[in-house]
Amino acid sequence: MIHGKFGDRDELFFEIELIVDNGLELPVDAMLDTGFSGWLAMNKQDIEGVNWTYLDEQMMGTAQGDFVFEIYVGKVRIDGEEFDIAVHVGEGIPEVLIGRQWLKNRRLVVDMQSGVLTLGES
């Protein structure tokens, strides 16, 4: 189980590690976005340093309209476990985002009143 933290505007942040192609792990605070149906999304400028494999493009609807995202195969570590996942890459993504796919195999507990935020095994 990983413990998250609340942002200044009550965002939900969890620390994950991006694993680059040479095995180096880059810790980042990723914001949980329940409006995003994928695993991970990040800004195009952030993908350059990780050297992940490009797969394809995909059109997706967002709150700002339809956009084309580049899809990469990425590797992340969450709660000590490594995952090979699809990564949506586009312009103007202000935070590294984790999406609803994580909620299919992880249990999210949010209790703002008590300051509890966890993402763990079901």
C-alpha atoms as a PDB file:
ATOM      1  CA  MET A   1       0.000   0.000   0.000  1.00  0.00           C
ATOM      2  CA  ILE A   2       1.280   3.466  -0.802  1.00  0.00           C
ATOM      3  CA  HIS A   3       0.335   6.555   1.111  1.00  0.00           C
ATOM      4  CA  GLY A   4      -0.534   9.598  -0.896  1.00  0.00           C
ATOM      5  CA  LYS A   5      -0.775  13.269  -0.104  1.00  0.00           C
ATOM      6  CA  PHE A   6      -3.363  15.929  -0.766  1.00  0.00           C
ATOM      7  CA  GLY A   7      -2.438  18.881  -2.969  1.00  0.00           C
ATOM      8  CA  ASP A   8      -3.197  22.537  -2.317  1.00  0.00           C
ATOM      9  CA  ARG A   9      -6.491  22.162  -4.183  1.00  0.00           C
ATOM     10  CA  ASP A  10      -7.286  18.741  -2.711  1.00  0.00           C
ATOM     11  CA  GLU A  11      -5.679  16.835  -5.595  1.00  0.00           C
ATOM     12  CA  LEU A  12      -4.694  13.235  -4.873  1.00  0.00           C
ATOM     13  CA  PHE A  13      -0.949  12.607  -5.342  1.00  0.00           C
ATOM     14  CA  PHE A  14       0.972   9.339  -5.124  1.00  0.00           C
ATOM     15  CA  GLU A  15       4.702   8.844  -5.555  1.00  0.00           C
ATOM     16  CA  ILE A  16       5.562   6.382  -8.306  1.00  0.00           C
ATOM     17  CA  GLU A  17       8.813   5.571 -10.081  1.00  0.00           C
ATOM     18  CA  LEU A  18       9.269   5.856 -13.823  1.00  0.00           C
ATOM     19  CA  ILE A  19      11.789   3.224 -14.947  1.00  0.00           C
ATOM     20  CA  VAL A  20      13.874   4.378 -17.895  1.00  0.00           C
ATOM     21  CA  ASP A  21      15.340   1.971 -20.445  1.00  0.00           C
ATOM     22  CA  ASN A  22      18.684   1.709 -18.609  1.00  0.00           C
ATOM     23  CA  GLY A  23      16.980   0.701 -15.333  1.00  0.00           C
ATOM     24  CA  LEU A  24      17.267   4.079 -13.629  1.00  0.00           C
ATOM     25  CA  GLU A  25      14.222   4.887 -11.487  1.00  0.00           C
ATOM     26  CA  LEU A  26      12.856   8.434 -11.464  1.00  0.00           C
ATOM     27  CA  PRO A  27      10.472   9.165  -8.559  1.00  0.00           C
ATOM     28  CA  VAL A  28       7.588  11.480  -9.479  1.00  0.00           C
ATOM     29  CA  ASP A  29       4.434  12.660  -7.774  1.00  0.00           C
ATOM     30  CA  ALA A  30       1.584  11.492  -9.991  1.00  0.00           C
ATOM     31  CA  MET A  31      -1.907  12.928  -9.673  1.00  0.00           C
ATOM     32  CA  LEU A  32      -4.837  10.514  -9.722  1.00  0.00           C
ATOM     33  CA  ASP A  33      -7.260  11.653 -12.419  1.00  0.00           C
ATOM     34  CA  THR A  34     -10.480   9.626 -12.317  1.00  0.00           C
ATOM     35  CA  GLY A  35     -11.548  11.296 -15.562  1.00  0.00           C
ATOM     36  CA  PHE A  36      -8.625   9.615 -17.371  1.00  0.00           C
ATOM     37  CA  SER A  37      -9.411   6.036 -18.387  1.00  0.00           C
ATOM     38  CA  GLY A  38      -5.806   4.930 -19.022  1.00  0.00           C
ATOM     39  CA  TRP A  39      -2.848   3.939 -16.866  1.00  0.00           C
ATOM     40  CA  LEU A  40      -0.475   6.902 -17.153  1.00  0.00           C
ATOM     41  CA  ALA A  41      -0.381  10.209 -19.029  1.00  0.00           C
ATOM     42  CA  MET A  42       2.435  12.691 -19.259  1.00  0.00           C
ATOM     43  CA  ASN A  43       3.575  15.735 -21.162  1.00  0.00           C
ATOM     44  CA  LYS A  44       5.489  15.238 -24.408  1.00  0.00           C
ATOM     45  CA  GLN A  45       8.562  17.049 -23.067  1.00  0.00           C
ATOM     46  CA  ASP A  46       8.776  14.612 -20.128  1.00  0.00           C
ATOM     47  CA  ILE A  47       8.888  11.500 -22.314  1.00  0.00           C
ATOM     48  CA  GLU A  48      12.179  12.456 -23.987  1.00  0.00           C
ATOM     49  CA  GLY A  49      14.369  11.395 -21.071  1.00  0.00           C
ATOM     50  CA  VAL A  50      12.890   7.950 -20.468  1.00  0.00           C
ATOM     51  CA  ASN A  51      13.491   6.365 -23.914  1.00  0.00           C
ATOM     52  CA  TRP A  52      10.313   4.281 -23.900  1.00  0.00           C
ATOM     53  CA  THR A  53       9.111   2.542 -27.070  1.00  0.00           C
ATOM     54  CA  TYR A  54       6.605   4.362 -29.278  1.00  0.00           C
ATOM     55  CA  LEU A  55       3.609   2.248 -30.324  1.00  0.00           C
ATOM     56  CA  ASP A  56       0.912   4.270 -32.036  1.00  0.00           C
ATOM     57  CA  GLU A  57      -1.419   7.247 -31.837  1.00  0.00           C
ATOM     58  CA  GLN A  58      -4.870   7.303 -30.269  1.00  0.00           C
ATOM     59  CA  MET A  59      -7.676   9.866 -30.336  1.00  0.00           C
ATOM     60  CA  MET A  60      -9.183  10.464 -26.892  1.00  0.00           C
ATOM     61  CA  GLY A  61     -11.849  12.749 -25.555  1.00  0.00           C
ATOM     62  CA  THR A  62     -10.731  15.059 -22.750  1.00  0.00           C
ATOM     63  CA  ALA A  63     -12.358  17.859 -20.789  1.00  0.00           C
ATOM     64  CA  GLN A  64     -10.853  20.272 -23.348  1.00  0.00           C
ATOM     65  CA  GLY A  65     -12.049  18.268 -26.389  1.00  0.00           C
ATOM     66  CA  ASP A  66     -10.689  15.483 -28.578  1.00  0.00           C
ATOM     67  CA  PHE A  67      -6.908  15.135 -28.822  1.00  0.00           C
ATOM     68  CA  VAL A  68      -4.449  12.775 -30.446  1.00  0.00           C
ATOM     69  CA  PHE A  69      -2.096  11.143 -27.957  1.00  0.00           C
ATOM     70  CA  GLU A  70       1.091   9.265 -28.748  1.00  0.00           C
ATOM     71  CA  ILE A  71       1.101   5.861 -27.047  1.00  0.00           C
ATOM     72  CA  TYR A  72       4.332   4.468 -25.602  1.00  0.00           C
ATOM     73  CA  VAL A  73       5.140   1.306 -23.687  1.00  0.00           C
ATOM     74  CA  GLY A  74       6.452   2.419 -20.320  1.00  0.00           C
ATOM     75  CA  LYS A  75       7.610   0.772 -17.143  1.00  0.00           C
ATOM     76  CA  VAL A  76       6.646   2.049 -13.704  1.00  0.00           C
ATOM     77  CA  ARG A  77       7.035   0.874 -10.141  1.00  0.00           C
ATOM     78  CA  ILE A  78       4.109   1.324  -7.808  1.00  0.00           C
ATOM     79  CA  ASP A  79       4.193  -0.002  -4.266  1.00  0.00           C
ATOM     80  CA  GLY A  80       7.343  -2.012  -5.012  1.00  0.00           C
ATOM     81  CA  GLU A  81       5.842  -3.775  -8.032  1.00  0.00           C
ATOM     82  CA  GLU A  82       6.880  -3.176 -11.666  1.00  0.00           C
ATOM     83  CA  PHE A  83       4.309  -2.777 -14.424  1.00  0.00           C
ATOM     84  CA  ASP A  84       4.663  -2.503 -18.205  1.00  0.00           C
ATOM     85  CA  ILE A  85       1.846  -0.161 -19.222  1.00  0.00           C
ATOM     86  CA  ALA A  86       0.547   2.000 -22.045  1.00  0.00           C
ATOM     87  CA  VAL A  87       1.506   5.648 -21.559  1.00  0.00           C
ATOM     88  CA  HIS A  88      -0.518   8.457 -23.177  1.00  0.00           C
ATOM     89  CA  VAL A  89       1.722  11.341 -24.185  1.00  0.00           C
ATOM     90  CA  GLY A  90       0.503  14.747 -25.314  1.00  0.00           C
ATOM     91  CA  GLU A  91       0.996  18.489 -25.168  1.00  0.00           C
ATOM     92  CA  GLY A  92      -0.213  20.576 -22.249  1.00  0.00           C
ATOM     93  CA  ILE A  93      -0.473  17.860 -19.583  1.00  0.00           C
ATOM     94  CA  PRO A  94       0.583  19.812 -16.488  1.00  0.00           C
ATOM     95  CA  GLU A  95       1.118  16.821 -14.162  1.00  0.00           C
ATOM     96  CA  VAL A  96       2.052  13.181 -14.522  1.00  0.00           C
ATOM     97  CA  LEU A  97      -1.359  11.516 -14.291  1.00  0.00           C
ATOM     98  CA  ILE A  98      -2.407   8.058 -13.188  1.00  0.00           C
ATOM     99  CA  GLY A  99      -5.861   7.007 -14.312  1.00  0.00           C
ATOM    100  CA  ARG A 100      -8.749   4.704 -13.525  1.00  0.00           C
ATOM    101  CA  GLN A 101      -7.000   1.547 -14.759  1.00  0.00           C
ATOM    102  CA  TRP A 102      -5.126   1.427 -11.446  1.00  0.00           C
ATOM    103  CA  LEU A 103      -8.438   1.203  -9.611  1.00  0.00           C
ATOM    104  CA  LYS A 104      -9.126  -2.163 -11.264  1.00  0.00           C
ATOM    105  CA  ASN A 105      -6.330  -3.825  -9.283  1.00  0.00           C
ATOM    106  CA  ARG A 106      -5.812  -1.384  -6.401  1.00  0.00           C
ATOM    107  CA  ARG A 107      -8.066  -0.160  -3.631  1.00  0.00           C
ATOM    108  CA  LEU A 108      -8.307   3.610  -3.234  1.00  0.00           C
ATOM    109  CA  VAL A 109      -9.074   4.984   0.233  1.00  0.00           C
ATOM    110  CA  VAL A 110      -9.715   8.711   0.540  1.00  0.00           C
ATOM    111  CA  ASP A 111     -10.695  10.231   3.881  1.00  0.00           C
ATOM    112  CA  MET A 112      -9.916  13.936   3.649  1.00  0.00           C
ATOM    113  CA  GLN A 113     -11.308  14.646   7.090  1.00  0.00           C
ATOM    114  CA  SER A 114      -8.792  12.270   8.660  1.00  0.00           C
ATOM    115  CA  GLY A 115      -5.999  13.007   6.177  1.00  0.00           C
ATOM    116  CA  VAL A 116      -5.924   9.391   4.922  1.00  0.00           C
ATOM    117  CA  LEU A 117      -5.045   8.703   1.285  1.00  0.00           C
ATOM    118  CA  THR A 118      -3.883   5.227   0.251  1.00  0.00           C
ATOM    119  CA  LEU A 119      -3.678   3.125  -2.872  1.00  0.00           C
ATOM    120  CA  GLY A 120      -3.126  -0.549  -2.187  1.00  0.00           C
ATOM    121  CA  GLU A 121      -3.831  -4.140  -3.068  1.00  0.00           C
ATOM    122  CA  SER A 122      -7.492  -5.110  -3.211  1.00  0.00           C
END
